[in-house]
Amino acid sequence: MALAQEAMILDDLAAGRLVKPFGVTLESPFSHWVLSLPEKADQPSIHRFRTWLLDQASADGLPRRG
């Protein structure tokens, strides 16, 4: 038995190596934020990185908030 962040075990759940015995999910009080200086937020390299990062999180099944 283990308690884990779902994002860290999605592959194991999908492969059947782990099972979720209960339908209970607890929301974490911790968050991750993508920040940049306002005057640099529109730079192409920063925009591409932010888009890539959010796409990766979404592909891992993480909800986007805010």
PDB file of N, CA and C in Angstrom:
ATOM      1  N   MET A   1       0.844  -1.162   0.000  1.00  0.00           N
ATOM      2  CA  MET A   1       0.000   0.000   0.000  1.00  0.00           C
ATOM      3  C   MET A   1       0.897   1.234   0.000  1.00  0.00           C
ATOM      4  N   ALA A   2       0.448   2.242  -0.718  1.00  0.00           N
ATOM      5  CA  ALA A   2       1.233   3.472  -0.787  1.00  0.00           C
ATOM      6  C   ALA A   2       0.299   4.648  -0.989  1.00  0.00           C
ATOM      7  N   LEU A   3       0.755   5.784  -0.543  1.00  0.00           N
ATOM      8  CA  LEU A   3       0.104   7.053  -0.858  1.00  0.00           C
ATOM      9  C   LEU A   3       1.047   7.771  -1.797  1.00  0.00           C
ATOM     10  N   ALA A   4       0.530   8.251  -2.910  1.00  0.00           N
ATOM     11  CA  ALA A   4       1.411   8.870  -3.894  1.00  0.00           C
ATOM     12  C   ALA A   4       0.667   9.953  -4.651  1.00  0.00           C
ATOM     13  N   GLN A   5       1.425  10.853  -5.230  1.00  0.00           N
ATOM     14  CA  GLN A   5       0.838  11.818  -6.141  1.00  0.00           C
ATOM     15  C   GLN A   5       0.481  11.069  -7.424  1.00  0.00           C
ATOM     16  N   GLU A   6      -0.746  11.219  -7.852  1.00  0.00           N
ATOM     17  CA  GLU A   6      -1.223  10.463  -9.004  1.00  0.00           C
ATOM     18  C   GLU A   6      -0.371  10.688 -10.251  1.00  0.00           C
ATOM     19  N   ALA A   7       0.109  11.909 -10.443  1.00  0.00           N
ATOM     20  CA  ALA A   7       0.939  12.196 -11.618  1.00  0.00           C
ATOM     21  C   ALA A   7       2.195  11.339 -11.649  1.00  0.00           C
ATOM     22  N   MET A   8       2.671  10.929 -10.487  1.00  0.00           N
ATOM     23  CA  MET A   8       3.905  10.144 -10.417  1.00  0.00           C
ATOM     24  C   MET A   8       3.666   8.660 -10.724  1.00  0.00           C
ATOM     25  N   ILE A   9       2.416   8.221 -10.690  1.00  0.00           N
ATOM     26  CA  ILE A   9       2.144   6.789 -10.872  1.00  0.00           C
ATOM     27  C   ILE A   9       1.180   6.493 -12.019  1.00  0.00           C
ATOM     28  N   LEU A  10       0.890   7.488 -12.849  1.00  0.00           N
ATOM     29  CA  LEU A  10      -0.063   7.289 -13.940  1.00  0.00           C
ATOM     30  C   LEU A  10       0.326   6.130 -14.853  1.00  0.00           C
ATOM     31  N   ASP A  11       1.597   6.033 -15.195  1.00  0.00           N
ATOM     32  CA  ASP A  11       2.039   4.944 -16.076  1.00  0.00           C
ATOM     33  C   ASP A  11       1.835   3.585 -15.411  1.00  0.00           C
ATOM     34  N   ASP A  12       2.123   3.498 -14.112  1.00  0.00           N
ATOM     35  CA  ASP A  12       1.951   2.240 -13.395  1.00  0.00           C
ATOM     36  C   ASP A  12       0.479   1.862 -13.265  1.00  0.00           C
ATOM     37  N   LEU A  13      -0.380   2.847 -13.066  1.00  0.00           N
ATOM     38  CA  LEU A  13      -1.816   2.569 -13.034  1.00  0.00           C
ATOM     39  C   LEU A  13      -2.296   2.079 -14.399  1.00  0.00           C
ATOM     40  N   ALA A  14      -1.869   2.756 -15.450  1.00  0.00           N
ATOM     41  CA  ALA A  14      -2.290   2.379 -16.806  1.00  0.00           C
ATOM     42  C   ALA A  14      -1.797   0.991 -17.189  1.00  0.00           C
ATOM     43  N   ALA A  15      -0.603   0.615 -16.720  1.00  0.00           N
ATOM     44  CA  ALA A  15      -0.031  -0.694 -17.048  1.00  0.00           C
ATOM     45  C   ALA A  15      -0.545  -1.803 -16.137  1.00  0.00           C
ATOM     46  N   GLY A  16      -1.308  -1.439 -15.101  1.00  0.00           N
ATOM     47  CA  GLY A  16      -1.835  -2.447 -14.192  1.00  0.00           C
ATOM     48  C   GLY A  16      -0.855  -2.893 -13.118  1.00  0.00           C
ATOM     49  N   ARG A  17       0.293  -2.231 -13.020  1.00  0.00           N
ATOM     50  CA  ARG A  17       1.259  -2.585 -11.969  1.00  0.00           C
ATOM     51  C   ARG A  17       0.787  -2.109 -10.605  1.00  0.00           C
ATOM     52  N   LEU A  18      -0.022  -1.063 -10.623  1.00  0.00           N
ATOM     53  CA  LEU A  18      -0.657  -0.565  -9.408  1.00  0.00           C
ATOM     54  C   LEU A  18      -2.157  -0.481  -9.655  1.00  0.00           C
ATOM     55  N   VAL A  19      -2.911  -0.618  -8.590  1.00  0.00           N
ATOM     56  CA  VAL A  19      -4.361  -0.460  -8.687  1.00  0.00           C
ATOM     57  C   VAL A  19      -4.808   0.544  -7.634  1.00  0.00           C
ATOM     58  N   LYS A  20      -5.860   1.225  -7.956  1.00  0.00           N
ATOM     59  CA  LYS A  20      -6.439   2.196  -7.042  1.00  0.00           C
ATOM     60  C   LYS A  20      -7.648   1.515  -6.390  1.00  0.00           C
ATOM     61  N   PRO A  21      -7.498   1.024  -5.148  1.00  0.00           N
ATOM     62  CA  PRO A  21      -8.566   0.220  -4.556  1.00  0.00           C
ATOM     63  C   PRO A  21      -9.792   1.021  -4.150  1.00  0.00           C
ATOM     64  N   PHE A  22      -9.646   2.326  -3.984  1.00  0.00           N
ATOM     65  CA  PHE A  22     -10.767   3.174  -3.584  1.00  0.00           C
ATOM     66  C   PHE A  22     -10.881   4.336  -4.547  1.00  0.00           C
ATOM     67  N   GLY A  23     -12.037   4.897  -4.656  1.00  0.00           N
ATOM     68  CA  GLY A  23     -12.250   6.035  -5.544  1.00  0.00           C
ATOM     69  C   GLY A  23     -11.946   7.365  -4.885  1.00  0.00           C
ATOM     70  N   VAL A  24     -11.185   7.338  -3.810  1.00  0.00           N
ATOM     71  CA  VAL A  24     -10.892   8.555  -3.057  1.00  0.00           C
ATOM     72  C   VAL A  24      -9.647   9.246  -3.615  1.00  0.00           C
ATOM     73  N   THR A  25      -9.773  10.532  -3.866  1.00  0.00           N
ATOM     74  CA  THR A  25      -8.640  11.352  -4.278  1.00  0.00           C
ATOM     75  C   THR A  25      -8.630  12.596  -3.400  1.00  0.00           C
ATOM     76  N   LEU A  26      -7.485  12.902  -2.854  1.00  0.00           N
ATOM     77  CA  LEU A  26      -7.351  14.086  -2.018  1.00  0.00           C
ATOM     78  C   LEU A  26      -6.604  15.167  -2.786  1.00  0.00           C
ATOM     79  N   GLU A  27      -7.116  16.362  -2.754  1.00  0.00           N
ATOM     80  CA  GLU A  27      -6.448  17.462  -3.434  1.00  0.00           C
ATOM     81  C   GLU A  27      -5.320  17.988  -2.546  1.00  0.00           C
ATOM     82  N   SER A  28      -4.183  18.179  -3.135  1.00  0.00           N
ATOM     83  CA  SER A  28      -3.014  18.659  -2.409  1.00  0.00           C
ATOM     84  C   SER A  28      -3.106  20.167  -2.182  1.00  0.00           C
ATOM     85  N   PRO A  29      -2.621  20.622  -1.032  1.00  0.00           N
ATOM     86  CA  PRO A  29      -2.583  22.061  -0.812  1.00  0.00           C
ATOM     87  C   PRO A  29      -1.409  22.727  -1.541  1.00  0.00           C
ATOM     88  N   PHE A  30      -0.586  21.925  -2.195  1.00  0.00           N
ATOM     89  CA  PHE A  30       0.591  22.445  -2.883  1.00  0.00           C
ATOM     90  C   PHE A  30       0.293  22.640  -4.364  1.00  0.00           C
ATOM     91  N   SER A  31       0.915  23.625  -4.948  1.00  0.00           N
ATOM     92  CA  SER A  31       0.716  23.929  -6.358  1.00  0.00           C
ATOM     93  C   SER A  31       2.048  24.239  -7.013  1.00  0.00           C
ATOM     94  N   HIS A  32       2.046  24.208  -8.326  1.00  0.00           N
ATOM     95  CA  HIS A  32       3.191  24.650  -9.105  1.00  0.00           C
ATOM     96  C   HIS A  32       2.713  25.802  -9.975  1.00  0.00           C
ATOM     97  N   TRP A  33       3.547  26.783 -10.125  1.00  0.00           N
ATOM     98  CA  TRP A  33       3.189  27.961 -10.890  1.00  0.00           C
ATOM     99  C   TRP A  33       4.219  28.209 -11.981  1.00  0.00           C
ATOM    100  N   VAL A  34       3.756  28.706 -13.098  1.00  0.00           N
ATOM    101  CA  VAL A  34       4.639  29.110 -14.181  1.00  0.00           C
ATOM    102  C   VAL A  34       4.645  30.640 -14.176  1.00  0.00           C
ATOM    103  N   LEU A  35       5.788  31.199 -13.846  1.00  0.00           N
ATOM    104  CA  LEU A  35       5.892  32.654 -13.716  1.00  0.00           C
ATOM    105  C   LEU A  35       6.987  33.215 -14.610  1.00  0.00           C
ATOM    106  N   SER A  36       6.801  34.444 -15.020  1.00  0.00           N
ATOM    107  CA  SER A  36       7.851  35.170 -15.732  1.00  0.00           C
ATOM    108  C   SER A  36       7.613  36.655 -15.503  1.00  0.00           C
ATOM    109  N   LEU A  37       8.615  37.431 -15.773  1.00  0.00           N
ATOM    110  CA  LEU A  37       8.446  38.871 -15.696  1.00  0.00           C
ATOM    111  C   LEU A  37       7.442  39.299 -16.770  1.00  0.00           C
ATOM    112  N   PRO A  38       6.531  40.197 -16.445  1.00  0.00           N
ATOM    113  CA  PRO A  38       5.521  40.602 -17.435  1.00  0.00           C
ATOM    114  C   PRO A  38       6.121  41.086 -18.752  1.00  0.00           C
ATOM    115  N   GLU A  39       7.222  41.814 -18.669  1.00  0.00           N
ATOM    116  CA  GLU A  39       7.811  42.348 -19.910  1.00  0.00           C
ATOM    117  C   GLU A  39       8.515  41.269 -20.740  1.00  0.00           C
ATOM    118  N   LYS A  40       8.696  40.080 -20.169  1.00  0.00           N
ATOM    119  CA  LYS A  40       9.355  39.002 -20.915  1.00  0.00           C
ATOM    120  C   LYS A  40       8.408  37.853 -21.258  1.00  0.00           C
ATOM    121  N   ALA A  41       7.194  37.906 -20.771  1.00  0.00           N
ATOM    122  CA  ALA A  41       6.255  36.798 -20.936  1.00  0.00           C
ATOM    123  C   ALA A  41       5.942  36.482 -22.398  1.00  0.00           C
ATOM    124  N   ASP A  42       6.025  37.478 -23.260  1.00  0.00           N
ATOM    125  CA  ASP A  42       5.689  37.259 -24.669  1.00  0.00           C
ATOM    126  C   ASP A  42       6.889  36.900 -25.535  1.00  0.00           C
ATOM    127  N   GLN A  43       8.065  36.770 -24.935  1.00  0.00           N
ATOM    128  CA  GLN A  43       9.225  36.346 -25.722  1.00  0.00           C
ATOM    129  C   GLN A  43       8.955  34.947 -26.267  1.00  0.00           C
ATOM    130  N   PRO A  44       9.279  34.696 -27.538  1.00  0.00           N
ATOM    131  CA  PRO A  44       8.978  33.403 -28.141  1.00  0.00           C
ATOM    132  C   PRO A  44       9.518  32.204 -27.357  1.00  0.00           C
ATOM    133  N   SER A  45      10.734  32.285 -26.859  1.00  0.00           N
ATOM    134  CA  SER A  45      11.304  31.135 -26.151  1.00  0.00           C
ATOM    135  C   SER A  45      10.561  30.866 -24.841  1.00  0.00           C
ATOM    136  N   ILE A  46      10.159  31.907 -24.144  1.00  0.00           N
ATOM    137  CA  ILE A  46       9.412  31.727 -22.900  1.00  0.00           C
ATOM    138  C   ILE A  46       8.013  31.205 -23.204  1.00  0.00           C
ATOM    139  N   HIS A  47       7.393  31.737 -24.218  1.00  0.00           N
ATOM    140  CA  HIS A  47       6.058  31.271 -24.615  1.00  0.00           C
ATOM    141  C   HIS A  47       6.101  29.795 -25.011  1.00  0.00           C
ATOM    142  N   ARG A  48       7.085  29.394 -25.803  1.00  0.00           N
ATOM    143  CA  ARG A  48       7.202  27.988 -26.214  1.00  0.00           C
ATOM    144  C   ARG A  48       7.412  27.077 -25.017  1.00  0.00           C
ATOM    145  N   PHE A  49       8.280  27.488 -24.084  1.00  0.00           N
ATOM    146  CA  PHE A  49       8.542  26.658 -22.910  1.00  0.00           C
ATOM    147  C   PHE A  49       7.292  26.523 -22.050  1.00  0.00           C
ATOM    148  N   ARG A  50       6.590  27.621 -21.821  1.00  0.00           N
ATOM    149  CA  ARG A  50       5.364  27.577 -21.018  1.00  0.00           C
ATOM    150  C   ARG A  50       4.338  26.662 -21.678  1.00  0.00           C
ATOM    151  N   THR A  51       4.156  26.810 -22.985  1.00  0.00           N
ATOM    152  CA  THR A  51       3.204  25.959 -23.709  1.00  0.00           C
ATOM    153  C   THR A  51       3.601  24.498 -23.607  1.00  0.00           C
ATOM    154  N   TRP A  52       4.875  24.196 -23.814  1.00  0.00           N
ATOM    155  CA  TRP A  52       5.358  22.809 -23.716  1.00  0.00           C
ATOM    156  C   TRP A  52       5.113  22.252 -22.317  1.00  0.00           C
ATOM    157  N   LEU A  53       5.436  23.036 -21.290  1.00  0.00           N
ATOM    158  CA  LEU A  53       5.289  22.582 -19.912  1.00  0.00           C
ATOM    159  C   LEU A  53       3.827  22.277 -19.584  1.00  0.00           C
ATOM    160  N   LEU A  54       2.931  23.165 -19.960  1.00  0.00           N
ATOM    161  CA  LEU A  54       1.511  22.941 -19.711  1.00  0.00           C
ATOM    162  C   LEU A  54       0.975  21.763 -20.520  1.00  0.00           C
ATOM    163  N   ASP A  55       1.449  21.584 -21.745  1.00  0.00           N
ATOM    164  CA  ASP A  55       1.046  20.429 -22.557  1.00  0.00           C
ATOM    165  C   ASP A  55       1.499  19.124 -21.920  1.00  0.00           C
ATOM    166  N   GLN A  56       2.720  19.097 -21.388  1.00  0.00           N
ATOM    167  CA  GLN A  56       3.226  17.897 -20.732  1.00  0.00           C
ATOM    168  C   GLN A  56       2.394  17.559 -19.499  1.00  0.00           C
ATOM    169  N   ALA A  57       2.083  18.560 -18.709  1.00  0.00           N
ATOM    170  CA  ALA A  57       1.253  18.339 -17.527  1.00  0.00           C
ATOM    171  C   ALA A  57      -0.122  17.821 -17.922  1.00  0.00           C
ATOM    172  N   SER A  58      -0.696  18.387 -18.948  1.00  0.00           N
ATOM    173  CA  SER A  58      -1.992  17.934 -19.423  1.00  0.00           C
ATOM    174  C   SER A  58      -1.944  16.503 -19.934  1.00  0.00           C
ATOM    175  N   ALA A  59      -0.874  16.163 -20.658  1.00  0.00           N
ATOM    176  CA  ALA A  59      -0.723  14.797 -21.170  1.00  0.00           C
ATOM    177  C   ALA A  59      -0.583  13.793 -20.037  1.00  0.00           C
ATOM    178  N   ASP A  60      -0.084  14.235 -18.892  1.00  0.00           N
ATOM    179  CA  ASP A  60       0.039  13.376 -17.728  1.00  0.00           C
ATOM    180  C   ASP A  60      -1.243  13.330 -16.913  1.00  0.00           C
ATOM    181  N   GLY A  61      -2.263  14.010 -17.393  1.00  0.00           N
ATOM    182  CA  GLY A  61      -3.550  13.973 -16.707  1.00  0.00           C
ATOM    183  C   GLY A  61      -3.703  14.975 -15.582  1.00  0.00           C
ATOM    184  N   LEU A  62      -2.802  15.930 -15.509  1.00  0.00           N
ATOM    185  CA  LEU A  62      -2.895  16.925 -14.446  1.00  0.00           C
ATOM    186  C   LEU A  62      -3.860  18.019 -14.840  1.00  0.00           C
ATOM    187  N   PRO A  63      -4.759  18.401 -13.948  1.00  0.00           N
ATOM    188  CA  PRO A  63      -5.709  19.458 -14.292  1.00  0.00           C
ATOM    189  C   PRO A  63      -5.028  20.814 -14.333  1.00  0.00           C
ATOM    190  N   ARG A  64      -5.499  21.643 -15.204  1.00  0.00           N
ATOM    191  CA  ARG A  64      -4.984  23.023 -15.284  1.00  0.00           C
ATOM    192  C   ARG A  64      -5.933  23.912 -14.498  1.00  0.00           C
ATOM    193  N   ARG A  65      -5.385  24.638 -13.572  1.00  0.00           N
ATOM    194  CA  ARG A  65      -6.195  25.529 -12.738  1.00  0.00           C
ATOM    195  C   ARG A  65      -5.725  26.957 -12.929  1.00  0.00           C
ATOM    196  N   GLY A  66      -6.659  27.865 -12.856  1.00  0.00           N
ATOM    197  CA  GLY A  66      -6.306  29.285 -12.900  1.00  0.00           C
ATOM    198  C   GLY A  66      -6.189  29.853 -14.259  1.00  0.00           C
TER     199      GLY A  66
END
